[in-house]
């Protein structure tokens, strides 16, 4: 949706999205596409109607946040699972 709306910062604002983060994500995607082209790896996207489409997106997002997972301790503070 971001790209189909012209990568507009006002569109991001009205949809409660971070413009800079979306621009960075788009830049990273373009870099990955170029790398895949150089390595002659085919680019494949699942259709949105595929049953694994949204679970795969959730897995990708959560895998990026695993270092931020924390548990509430009895003393009332949070302790990250990775580093304590």
C-alpha atoms as a PDB file:
ATOM      1  CA  UNK A   1       0.000   0.000   0.000  1.00  0.00           C
ATOM      2  CA  UNK A   2       2.869   2.371   0.781  1.00  0.00           C
ATOM      3  CA  UNK A   3       4.315   2.181  -2.719  1.00  0.00           C
ATOM      4  CA  UNK A   4       0.923   2.167  -4.435  1.00  0.00           C
ATOM      5  CA  UNK A   5       0.175   5.455  -2.642  1.00  0.00           C
ATOM      6  CA  UNK A   6       3.299   7.061  -4.061  1.00  0.00           C
ATOM      7  CA  UNK A   7       5.392   6.616  -0.905  1.00  0.00           C
ATOM      8  CA  UNK A   8       3.622   9.673   0.486  1.00  0.00           C
ATOM      9  CA  UNK A   9       4.493  10.868   3.988  1.00  0.00           C
ATOM     10  CA  UNK A  10       0.984  12.291   4.453  1.00  0.00           C
ATOM     11  CA  UNK A  11      -0.493   8.880   3.684  1.00  0.00           C
ATOM     12  CA  UNK A  12       1.799   7.372   6.336  1.00  0.00           C
ATOM     13  CA  UNK A  13       0.742  10.006   8.860  1.00  0.00           C
ATOM     14  CA  UNK A  14      -2.964   9.395   8.250  1.00  0.00           C
ATOM     15  CA  UNK A  15      -2.462   5.617   8.584  1.00  0.00           C
ATOM     16  CA  UNK A  16      -0.267   5.853  11.730  1.00  0.00           C
ATOM     17  CA  UNK A  17       2.835   4.506   9.968  1.00  0.00           C
ATOM     18  CA  UNK A  18       6.442   5.628  10.223  1.00  0.00           C
ATOM     19  CA  UNK A  19       7.505   7.113   6.885  1.00  0.00           C
ATOM     20  CA  UNK A  20      11.254   6.758   7.511  1.00  0.00           C
ATOM     21  CA  UNK A  21      10.918   3.113   8.541  1.00  0.00           C
ATOM     22  CA  UNK A  22       8.912   2.293   5.418  1.00  0.00           C
ATOM     23  CA  UNK A  23      11.422   4.100   3.183  1.00  0.00           C
ATOM     24  CA  UNK A  24      14.232   2.120   4.818  1.00  0.00           C
ATOM     25  CA  UNK A  25      12.340  -1.156   4.384  1.00  0.00           C
ATOM     26  CA  UNK A  26      11.793  -0.342   0.708  1.00  0.00           C
ATOM     27  CA  UNK A  27      15.486   0.428   0.263  1.00  0.00           C
ATOM     28  CA  UNK A  28      16.469  -2.858   1.919  1.00  0.00           C
ATOM     29  CA  UNK A  29      14.049  -4.767  -0.310  1.00  0.00           C
ATOM     30  CA  UNK A  30      15.567  -3.144  -3.415  1.00  0.00           C
ATOM     31  CA  UNK A  31      19.050  -4.129  -2.205  1.00  0.00           C
ATOM     32  CA  UNK A  32      17.942  -7.723  -1.663  1.00  0.00           C
ATOM     33  CA  UNK A  33      16.363  -7.857  -5.127  1.00  0.00           C
ATOM     34  CA  UNK A  34      19.640  -6.614  -6.667  1.00  0.00           C
ATOM     35  CA  UNK A  35      21.673  -9.181  -4.707  1.00  0.00           C
ATOM     36  CA  UNK A  36      19.315 -11.972  -5.755  1.00  0.00           C
ATOM     37  CA  UNK A  37      19.655 -10.857  -9.371  1.00  0.00           C
ATOM     38  CA  UNK A  38      23.451 -10.906  -9.170  1.00  0.00           C
ATOM     39  CA  UNK A  39      23.369 -14.379  -7.613  1.00  0.00           C
ATOM     40  CA  UNK A  40      20.814 -15.534 -10.216  1.00  0.00           C
ATOM     41  CA  UNK A  41      18.270 -16.475  -7.566  1.00  0.00           C
ATOM     42  CA  UNK A  42      14.674 -16.274  -8.725  1.00  0.00           C
ATOM     43  CA  UNK A  43      12.383 -13.898  -6.882  1.00  0.00           C
ATOM     44  CA  UNK A  44       9.115 -15.497  -5.843  1.00  0.00           C
ATOM     45  CA  UNK A  45       6.241 -13.994  -3.869  1.00  0.00           C
ATOM     46  CA  UNK A  46       3.319 -16.016  -2.611  1.00  0.00           C
ATOM     47  CA  UNK A  47      -0.117 -14.742  -3.609  1.00  0.00           C
ATOM     48  CA  UNK A  48      -2.083 -13.114  -0.782  1.00  0.00           C
ATOM     49  CA  UNK A  49      -4.689 -15.879  -1.134  1.00  0.00           C
ATOM     50  CA  UNK A  50      -2.142 -18.537  -0.117  1.00  0.00           C
ATOM     51  CA  UNK A  51      -2.829 -20.011   3.331  1.00  0.00           C
ATOM     52  CA  UNK A  52       0.818 -19.454   4.366  1.00  0.00           C
ATOM     53  CA  UNK A  53       0.969 -15.805   3.264  1.00  0.00           C
ATOM     54  CA  UNK A  54       0.039 -14.075   6.536  1.00  0.00           C
ATOM     55  CA  UNK A  55       1.620 -16.641   8.894  1.00  0.00           C
ATOM     56  CA  UNK A  56       4.914 -16.155   7.025  1.00  0.00           C
ATOM     57  CA  UNK A  57       4.680 -12.379   7.464  1.00  0.00           C
ATOM     58  CA  UNK A  58       4.024 -12.841  11.193  1.00  0.00           C
ATOM     59  CA  UNK A  59       7.006 -15.183  11.508  1.00  0.00           C
ATOM     60  CA  UNK A  60       9.260 -12.694   9.728  1.00  0.00           C
ATOM     61  CA  UNK A  61       8.181  -9.811  11.968  1.00  0.00           C
ATOM     62  CA  UNK A  62       8.482 -11.817  15.168  1.00  0.00           C
ATOM     63  CA  UNK A  63      11.901 -13.176  14.246  1.00  0.00           C
ATOM     64  CA  UNK A  64      13.142  -9.587  14.163  1.00  0.00           C
ATOM     65  CA  UNK A  65      11.867  -8.889  17.685  1.00  0.00           C
ATOM     66  CA  UNK A  66      13.110 -11.974  19.537  1.00  0.00           C
ATOM     67  CA  UNK A  67      15.865 -10.007  21.279  1.00  0.00           C
ATOM     68  CA  UNK A  68      13.249  -7.631  22.733  1.00  0.00           C
ATOM     69  CA  UNK A  69      11.200 -10.331  24.487  1.00  0.00           C
ATOM     70  CA  UNK A  70      11.088  -9.861  28.258  1.00  0.00           C
ATOM     71  CA  UNK A  71       9.349 -11.351  31.261  1.00  0.00           C
ATOM     72  CA  UNK A  72       7.884  -9.393  34.135  1.00  0.00           C
ATOM     73  CA  UNK A  73       9.737 -10.368  37.305  1.00  0.00           C
ATOM     74  CA  UNK A  74       8.141 -10.604  40.743  1.00  0.00           C
ATOM     75  CA  UNK A  75      10.021  -7.474  41.795  1.00  0.00           C
ATOM     76  CA  UNK A  76       8.046  -5.549  39.173  1.00  0.00           C
ATOM     77  CA  UNK A  77      10.738  -5.035  36.539  1.00  0.00           C
ATOM     78  CA  UNK A  78      11.212  -6.662  33.150  1.00  0.00           C
ATOM     79  CA  UNK A  79      14.153  -8.898  32.294  1.00  0.00           C
ATOM     80  CA  UNK A  80      14.986  -9.713  28.682  1.00  0.00           C
ATOM     81  CA  UNK A  81      15.166 -13.405  27.937  1.00  0.00           C
ATOM     82  CA  UNK A  82      18.404 -13.146  25.985  1.00  0.00           C
ATOM     83  CA  UNK A  83      20.631 -10.963  28.188  1.00  0.00           C
ATOM     84  CA  UNK A  84      18.879 -10.809  31.555  1.00  0.00           C
END
